[in-house]
Amino acid sequence: MKTINSILLGVVCLACTPSDSYILQGTVPEDNKVNEVYLLSQEGKGADTLARGEVKADGSFVLKGKAENRLLYFNMGNRGGRIYFFPEVGKYQLEKVGDDYQISAEQEGVQSRLNEHLKEIEKNTKAMFDLQRQMEQTKDEEGMEKLRKENERLWKKGNDLLVNMVGAFKGEDIAATLVRDNMWVLGYDFKLFTRAIEAMGEGTASEARDEVTKKYEEARSKQLTGKAPDFTLPDVNGKKVKLADYKGKYVLLDFWASWCKPCRMKIKELKKEYSRLQELGVEVVAISCDQKKADWLKALEEDQPMWKQLLVDKEINGSDTADDYKVEFLPTLYLISPDGVVLDTNPSIEGIEMQIGR
């Protein structure tokens, strides 16, 4: 009789367990004084609260709700940063990964797939932060150069990891959400944005997909294509120089400013690549966006670039050359063909070699 009662009790318990729900458990950080945790529909203003759970005196909580089967955001106050949660039917646990928090799943699903990518991104991000601290403490130029190269490698790896994560969910709404959430990176790099859009793939219409598509079209409309605008600008001696003077040659046009640290780093990079650029038949022409001529000349004295240096001058050119070239960020570089057509934006030396075919 006891056996029969036990079986019946088990059946009753199973019947009481929702087949369309999730359970998330965990403990908030000790110094995180919050009374509740939340599951939100989005980040920032306008978010809907889809579920909430009480935080007990020992910091533990249990959050229950209906499985949404979409990418949502777990919130425990100002701690933990962005915490993704894709609630499918099952059990989940909040855990600390490095300096961040993630939600682990007891079962295979979207959350476990997503976490594999997030952990790699977290590892790479931590390596970049550690490297930045090293760079702040390094004073010798040789050591700094090695760190710069490693920083560039980690940055490119981070971009690849982001695109790979988006591509792992190609065609799904989660892919569009991941692109939208990383616009702070993608919005500054149209090539990377294009890679992410291709990785996202086509899918059913959604708020995230529509928003991302709109932003991509806006970004594409701002790209300089076709014939490069001509200009007339003064060099360091006041001589007027035109783009037309370089007809029949490849031109690498560099928009920069003395106050822009990445621009100054780019000058050092170009100095190392200059001999190779000359071998390829590429003329480098720099256009400074400095408002004060003295600042421009001081930077040239310090950096000693070997190529033609020009200064934006509205009175001579009749317009702001940077605006004509749709420059939004510095540095911005364009590779221009011998017949004056824009071939590439912010090309690497490898990209230039591919364009020229040598």
Protein backbone atom coordinates (compact mmCIF):
# COMPACT_ATOMS: atom_id res chain seq x y z
CA MET A 1 0.00 0.00 0.00
CA LYS A 2 2.87 2.38 0.85
CA THR A 3 4.42 1.70 -2.56
CA ILE A 4 1.17 2.50 -4.34
CA ASN A 5 0.78 5.72 -2.33
CA SER A 6 4.36 6.76 -3.20
CA ILE A 7 3.73 6.22 -6.91
CA LEU A 8 0.48 8.17 -6.74
CA LEU A 9 2.23 11.02 -4.89
CA GLY A 10 4.91 11.16 -7.58
CA VAL A 11 2.28 11.34 -10.30
CA VAL A 12 0.52 14.16 -8.47
CA CYS A 13 3.81 16.09 -8.08
CA LEU A 14 4.60 15.72 -11.77
CA ALA A 15 1.13 16.95 -12.62
CA CYS A 16 1.70 20.03 -10.44
CA THR A 17 4.97 20.90 -12.17
CA PRO A 18 4.33 23.36 -15.03
CA SER A 19 5.52 21.94 -18.34
CA ASP A 20 6.05 25.42 -19.83
CA SER A 21 8.06 27.04 -17.02
CA TYR A 22 11.61 27.66 -15.86
CA ILE A 23 13.24 27.97 -12.45
CA LEU A 24 16.30 30.18 -11.92
CA GLN A 25 18.14 30.06 -8.60
CA GLY A 26 21.24 31.76 -7.29
CA THR A 27 22.83 34.13 -4.82
CA VAL A 28 23.50 37.81 -5.41
CA PRO A 29 26.92 39.30 -4.43
CA GLU A 30 27.31 40.01 -0.71
CA ASP A 31 27.72 43.75 -1.25
CA ASN A 32 24.71 43.95 -3.56
CA LYS A 33 21.95 45.24 -1.31
CA VAL A 34 18.83 44.47 -3.32
CA ASN A 35 15.47 43.13 -2.23
CA GLU A 36 14.42 41.69 -5.58
CA VAL A 37 15.83 40.38 -8.85
CA TYR A 38 14.07 40.82 -12.17
CA LEU A 39 13.74 39.40 -15.64
CA LEU A 40 13.40 42.24 -18.14
CA SER A 41 12.32 42.36 -21.77
CA GLN A 42 15.14 44.76 -22.72
CA GLU A 43 17.87 46.98 -21.31
CA GLY A 44 17.27 50.57 -20.30
CA LYS A 45 14.06 52.57 -20.34
CA GLY A 46 10.81 51.04 -21.52
CA ALA A 47 11.64 47.53 -20.33
CA ASP A 48 8.80 45.28 -19.23
CA THR A 49 9.28 43.30 -16.02
CA LEU A 50 8.40 39.71 -16.95
CA ALA A 51 9.23 38.11 -13.60
CA ARG A 52 10.58 39.06 -10.19
CA GLY A 53 11.94 37.12 -7.25
CA GLU A 54 12.54 38.04 -3.61
CA VAL A 55 16.14 38.13 -2.36
CA LYS A 56 16.38 36.52 1.08
CA ALA A 57 18.61 37.67 3.95
CA ASP A 58 21.38 35.29 2.87
CA GLY A 59 21.30 36.71 -0.69
CA SER A 60 19.63 33.69 -2.26
CA PHE A 61 16.68 33.95 -4.62
CA VAL A 62 14.38 31.83 -6.75
CA LEU A 63 12.91 33.24 -9.95
CA LYS A 64 10.10 31.38 -11.67
CA GLY A 65 8.15 32.11 -14.80
CA LYS A 66 6.83 30.97 -18.11
CA ALA A 67 9.44 29.89 -20.64
CA GLU A 68 9.66 32.83 -23.05
CA ASN A 69 12.01 31.17 -25.57
CA ARG A 70 13.62 34.51 -26.44
CA LEU A 71 16.68 36.42 -25.28
CA LEU A 72 15.94 38.40 -22.12
CA TYR A 73 17.92 40.22 -19.43
CA PHE A 74 18.41 39.20 -15.81
CA ASN A 75 18.77 42.19 -13.51
CA MET A 76 20.08 42.27 -9.93
CA GLY A 77 20.62 46.00 -9.52
CA ASN A 78 23.83 47.68 -10.59
CA ARG A 79 25.98 44.57 -10.25
CA GLY A 80 26.83 41.91 -12.78
CA GLY A 81 26.67 43.92 -15.99
CA ARG A 82 24.61 42.53 -18.85
CA ILE A 83 23.34 39.05 -18.00
CA TYR A 84 21.61 37.23 -20.83
CA PHE A 85 18.89 34.70 -20.11
CA PHE A 86 17.10 32.61 -22.72
CA PRO A 87 14.42 30.90 -20.61
CA GLU A 88 13.37 27.57 -22.03
CA VAL A 89 11.66 24.90 -19.95
CA GLY A 90 14.15 23.71 -17.32
CA LYS A 91 16.36 24.65 -14.39
CA TYR A 92 19.00 27.39 -14.35
CA GLN A 93 21.62 28.71 -11.94
CA LEU A 94 23.28 32.12 -11.61
CA GLU A 95 27.07 31.71 -11.48
CA LYS A 96 30.11 33.95 -11.55
CA VAL A 97 32.41 33.66 -14.56
CA GLY A 98 35.57 35.73 -14.23
CA ASP A 99 34.49 39.24 -13.31
CA ASP A 100 31.01 38.76 -14.74
CA TYR A 101 27.94 36.66 -14.09
CA GLN A 102 26.23 34.13 -16.34
CA ILE A 103 23.20 31.90 -16.10
CA SER A 104 24.06 28.23 -16.51
CA ALA A 105 21.58 25.60 -17.64
CA GLU A 106 21.16 22.07 -16.29
CA GLN A 107 19.96 20.96 -19.74
CA GLU A 108 21.22 21.45 -23.29
CA GLY A 109 19.60 24.34 -25.10
CA VAL A 110 20.04 27.87 -26.37
CA GLN A 111 21.41 29.13 -23.03
CA SER A 112 24.18 26.53 -22.91
CA ARG A 113 25.10 27.24 -26.55
CA LEU A 114 25.17 30.97 -25.88
CA ASN A 115 27.31 30.53 -22.76
CA GLU A 116 30.05 28.77 -24.75
CA HIS A 117 30.51 31.95 -26.78
CA LEU A 118 30.08 34.34 -23.85
CA LYS A 119 32.81 32.57 -21.87
CA GLU A 120 35.29 32.92 -24.75
CA ILE A 121 34.40 36.59 -25.12
CA GLU A 122 34.81 37.16 -21.38
CA LYS A 123 38.22 35.46 -21.44
CA ASN A 124 39.38 37.63 -24.34
CA THR A 125 37.99 40.81 -22.75
CA LYS A 126 39.84 40.09 -19.49
CA ALA A 127 43.07 39.55 -21.44
CA MET A 128 42.57 42.96 -23.08
CA PHE A 129 42.02 44.70 -19.74
CA ASP A 130 45.12 43.02 -18.29
CA LEU A 131 47.09 44.13 -21.34
CA GLN A 132 45.87 47.71 -20.96
CA ARG A 133 47.24 47.75 -17.41
CA GLN A 134 50.59 46.49 -18.73
CA MET A 135 50.62 49.23 -21.37
CA GLU A 136 50.01 51.88 -18.73
CA GLN A 137 53.06 50.68 -16.79
CA THR A 138 55.40 50.11 -19.77
CA LYS A 139 57.75 52.96 -20.63
CA ASP A 140 60.23 51.54 -23.16
CA GLU A 141 59.16 51.86 -26.80
CA GLU A 142 60.20 48.34 -27.82
CA GLY A 143 58.12 46.78 -25.08
CA MET A 144 55.20 49.07 -25.90
CA GLU A 145 55.31 48.07 -29.55
CA LYS A 146 54.97 44.39 -28.65
CA LEU A 147 52.02 45.20 -26.41
CA ARG A 148 50.36 47.25 -29.17
CA LYS A 149 50.60 44.31 -31.55
CA GLU A 150 49.14 41.98 -28.94
CA ASN A 151 46.36 44.50 -28.26
CA GLU A 152 45.55 44.60 -31.97
CA ARG A 153 45.49 40.80 -32.10
CA LEU A 154 43.13 40.58 -29.12
CA TRP A 155 40.89 43.29 -30.57
CA LYS A 156 40.58 41.42 -33.87
CA LYS A 157 39.98 38.17 -31.99
CA GLY A 158 37.21 39.87 -30.01
CA ASN A 159 35.57 40.98 -33.25
CA ASP A 160 35.81 37.45 -34.64
CA LEU A 161 34.31 35.99 -31.47
CA LEU A 162 31.40 38.42 -31.67
CA VAL A 163 30.67 37.56 -35.31
CA ASN A 164 30.98 33.84 -34.57
CA MET A 165 28.49 34.16 -31.71
CA VAL A 166 25.98 35.90 -33.96
CA GLY A 167 26.54 33.33 -36.70
CA ALA A 168 25.90 30.46 -34.29
CA PHE A 169 22.25 31.59 -34.23
CA LYS A 170 21.95 32.59 -37.90
CA GLY A 171 18.37 33.22 -38.99
CA GLU A 172 17.08 33.26 -35.40
CA ASP A 173 15.79 36.34 -33.59
CA ILE A 174 18.51 35.95 -30.95
CA ALA A 175 21.09 36.75 -33.66
CA ALA A 176 19.45 40.10 -34.36
CA THR A 177 19.28 40.87 -30.63
CA LEU A 178 22.99 40.14 -30.23
CA VAL A 179 23.79 42.49 -33.11
CA ARG A 180 21.58 45.21 -31.63
CA ASP A 181 23.21 44.88 -28.21
CA ASN A 182 26.68 45.31 -29.70
CA MET A 183 26.02 48.42 -31.77
CA TRP A 184 28.45 50.30 -29.48
CA VAL A 185 31.18 48.36 -31.31
CA LEU A 186 29.59 47.74 -34.70
CA GLY A 187 28.52 51.36 -35.13
CA TYR A 188 32.16 52.44 -35.35
CA ASP A 189 33.29 49.84 -37.88
CA PHE A 190 31.18 49.42 -41.02
CA LYS A 191 33.19 46.41 -42.21
CA LEU A 192 32.60 44.64 -38.91
CA PHE A 193 28.94 45.70 -39.00
CA THR A 194 28.64 44.14 -42.47
CA ARG A 195 30.18 40.89 -41.22
CA ALA A 196 27.72 40.81 -38.32
CA ILE A 197 24.74 41.44 -40.63
CA GLU A 198 25.86 38.61 -42.91
CA ALA A 199 26.31 36.33 -39.88
CA MET A 200 22.84 37.31 -38.63
CA GLY A 201 21.25 36.08 -41.85
CA GLU A 202 17.66 36.45 -42.95
CA GLY A 203 14.79 35.67 -40.61
CA THR A 204 11.29 36.58 -39.59
CA ALA A 205 10.59 40.23 -38.85
CA SER A 206 11.10 41.34 -35.26
CA GLU A 207 11.71 44.56 -33.37
CA ALA A 208 15.43 43.81 -33.01
CA ARG A 209 15.86 42.77 -36.66
CA ASP A 210 14.00 45.83 -37.94
CA GLU A 211 16.07 48.14 -35.72
CA VAL A 212 19.37 46.56 -36.79
CA THR A 213 18.44 46.60 -40.48
CA LYS A 214 17.48 50.28 -40.28
CA LYS A 215 20.76 51.20 -38.57
CA TYR A 216 22.75 49.23 -41.13
CA GLU A 217 21.06 51.01 -44.03
CA GLU A 218 21.78 54.35 -42.34
CA ALA A 219 25.43 53.36 -41.87
CA ARG A 220 25.71 52.21 -45.48
CA SER A 221 24.33 55.53 -46.75
CA LYS A 222 27.17 57.29 -44.92
CA GLN A 223 29.89 55.28 -46.62
CA LEU A 224 31.96 57.04 -49.25
CA THR A 225 31.68 55.23 -52.58
CA GLY A 226 32.24 56.05 -56.22
CA LYS A 227 34.32 59.02 -57.29
CA ALA A 228 36.44 60.59 -54.56
CA PRO A 229 35.69 64.33 -54.10
CA ASP A 230 38.46 66.59 -55.33
CA PHE A 231 39.98 69.12 -52.96
CA THR A 232 42.43 71.99 -52.88
CA LEU A 233 44.33 72.26 -49.60
CA PRO A 234 47.57 73.87 -48.39
CA ASP A 235 50.64 71.87 -47.43
CA VAL A 236 53.11 72.90 -44.71
CA ASN A 237 54.63 75.52 -47.03
CA GLY A 238 51.27 76.95 -48.07
CA LYS A 239 51.40 75.36 -51.52
CA LYS A 240 47.96 74.35 -52.80
CA VAL A 241 47.60 70.63 -53.48
CA LYS A 242 44.74 68.89 -55.31
CA LEU A 243 43.67 65.27 -55.39
CA ALA A 244 43.74 65.64 -59.17
CA ASP A 245 47.53 66.10 -58.89
CA TYR A 246 47.73 62.36 -58.13
CA LYS A 247 45.76 61.18 -61.15
CA GLY A 248 47.18 57.89 -62.42
CA LYS A 249 48.42 56.84 -58.96
CA TYR A 250 46.99 54.94 -56.03
CA VAL A 251 46.42 57.27 -53.06
CA LEU A 252 46.02 56.39 -49.39
CA LEU A 253 44.23 59.38 -47.88
CA ASP A 254 44.55 59.71 -44.09
CA PHE A 255 42.24 62.05 -42.14
CA TRP A 256 43.68 62.69 -38.69
CA ALA A 257 44.24 65.30 -35.94
CA SER A 258 47.04 66.09 -33.51
CA TRP A 259 44.82 65.53 -30.44
CA CYS A 260 43.70 62.07 -31.61
CA LYS A 261 45.85 59.36 -29.95
CA PRO A 262 44.76 56.57 -32.35
CA CYS A 263 45.70 58.90 -35.21
CA ARG A 264 49.20 59.38 -33.83
CA MET A 265 49.55 55.61 -33.39
CA LYS A 266 48.42 55.20 -37.00
CA ILE A 267 51.22 57.51 -38.13
CA LYS A 268 53.76 55.24 -36.42
CA GLU A 269 52.19 52.24 -38.11
CA LEU A 270 52.27 53.92 -41.53
CA LYS A 271 55.93 54.86 -41.06
CA LYS A 272 56.76 51.16 -40.71
CA GLU A 273 54.65 50.27 -43.75
CA TYR A 274 55.71 53.24 -45.87
CA SER A 275 58.45 51.46 -47.83
CA ARG A 276 56.03 48.65 -48.72
CA LEU A 277 53.40 51.21 -49.78
CA GLN A 278 55.96 52.85 -52.04
CA GLU A 279 56.77 49.45 -53.57
CA LEU A 280 53.07 49.05 -54.28
CA GLY A 281 52.98 52.46 -55.94
CA VAL A 282 50.77 54.02 -53.26
CA GLU A 283 51.10 57.72 -52.45
CA VAL A 284 50.18 58.56 -48.85
CA VAL A 285 48.48 61.93 -48.36
CA ALA A 286 47.47 63.07 -44.87
CA ILE A 287 44.76 65.67 -44.21
CA SER A 288 44.75 67.17 -40.73
CA CYS A 289 41.44 68.27 -39.19
CA ASP A 290 43.20 70.47 -36.62
CA GLN A 291 41.65 73.89 -36.09
CA LYS A 292 44.95 75.42 -35.06
CA LYS A 293 47.83 75.30 -37.51
CA ALA A 294 50.34 75.43 -34.64
CA ASP A 295 48.98 72.18 -33.18
CA TRP A 296 49.28 70.51 -36.57
CA LEU A 297 52.87 71.66 -37.11
CA LYS A 298 53.88 70.62 -33.60
CA ALA A 299 52.55 67.09 -34.17
CA LEU A 300 54.43 66.86 -37.47
CA GLU A 301 57.63 67.92 -35.75
CA GLU A 302 57.14 65.23 -33.11
CA ASP A 303 56.08 62.36 -35.40
CA GLN A 304 58.16 63.15 -38.52
CA PRO A 305 55.94 61.51 -41.18
CA MET A 306 57.58 61.21 -44.61
CA TRP A 307 54.50 61.80 -46.80
CA LYS A 308 52.53 64.82 -48.00
CA GLN A 309 50.78 66.74 -45.21
CA LEU A 310 47.75 68.95 -45.82
CA LEU A 311 45.48 70.99 -43.56
CA VAL A 312 41.71 71.36 -43.89
CA ASP A 313 41.00 74.95 -44.99
CA LYS A 314 37.39 75.91 -45.78
CA GLU A 315 38.36 79.27 -47.26
CA ILE A 316 40.67 77.69 -49.84
CA ASN A 317 38.68 74.53 -50.55
CA GLY A 318 35.23 76.12 -50.42
CA SER A 319 33.96 73.32 -48.15
CA ASP A 320 35.00 71.15 -45.23
CA THR A 321 36.93 68.34 -46.91
CA ALA A 322 36.24 65.99 -43.99
CA ASP A 323 32.49 66.48 -44.55
CA ASP A 324 32.90 65.90 -48.28
CA TYR A 325 34.56 62.58 -47.44
CA LYS A 326 31.87 61.65 -44.86
CA VAL A 327 34.45 61.45 -42.08
CA GLU A 328 32.77 60.69 -38.75
CA PHE A 329 35.67 59.22 -36.79
CA LEU A 330 39.41 59.78 -36.69
CA PRO A 331 41.52 58.35 -38.06
CA THR A 332 39.69 57.54 -41.30
CA LEU A 333 41.64 56.34 -44.32
CA TYR A 334 40.59 55.81 -47.93
CA LEU A 335 42.34 53.91 -50.68
CA ILE A 336 41.73 55.69 -53.99
CA SER A 337 42.36 54.18 -57.42
CA PRO A 338 44.46 55.82 -60.17
CA ASP A 339 41.23 57.02 -61.82
CA GLY A 340 39.95 58.58 -58.59
CA VAL A 341 37.50 55.92 -57.38
CA VAL A 342 37.24 54.98 -53.69
CA LEU A 343 38.34 51.34 -53.40
CA ASP A 344 38.33 50.76 -49.65
CA THR A 345 37.88 52.43 -46.26
CA ASN A 346 40.41 51.94 -43.45
CA PRO A 347 42.29 49.21 -45.33
CA SER A 348 45.04 47.12 -43.77
CA ILE A 349 48.33 46.69 -45.63
CA GLU A 350 47.10 43.21 -46.60
CA GLY A 351 43.87 44.72 -47.88
CA ILE A 352 45.80 47.23 -49.98
CA GLU A 353 47.91 44.45 -51.47
CA MET A 354 44.76 42.54 -52.39
CA GLN A 355 43.15 45.60 -53.98
CA ILE A 356 46.22 46.37 -56.05
CA GLY A 357 46.83 42.71 -56.83
CA ARG A 358 50.48 42.48 -55.84
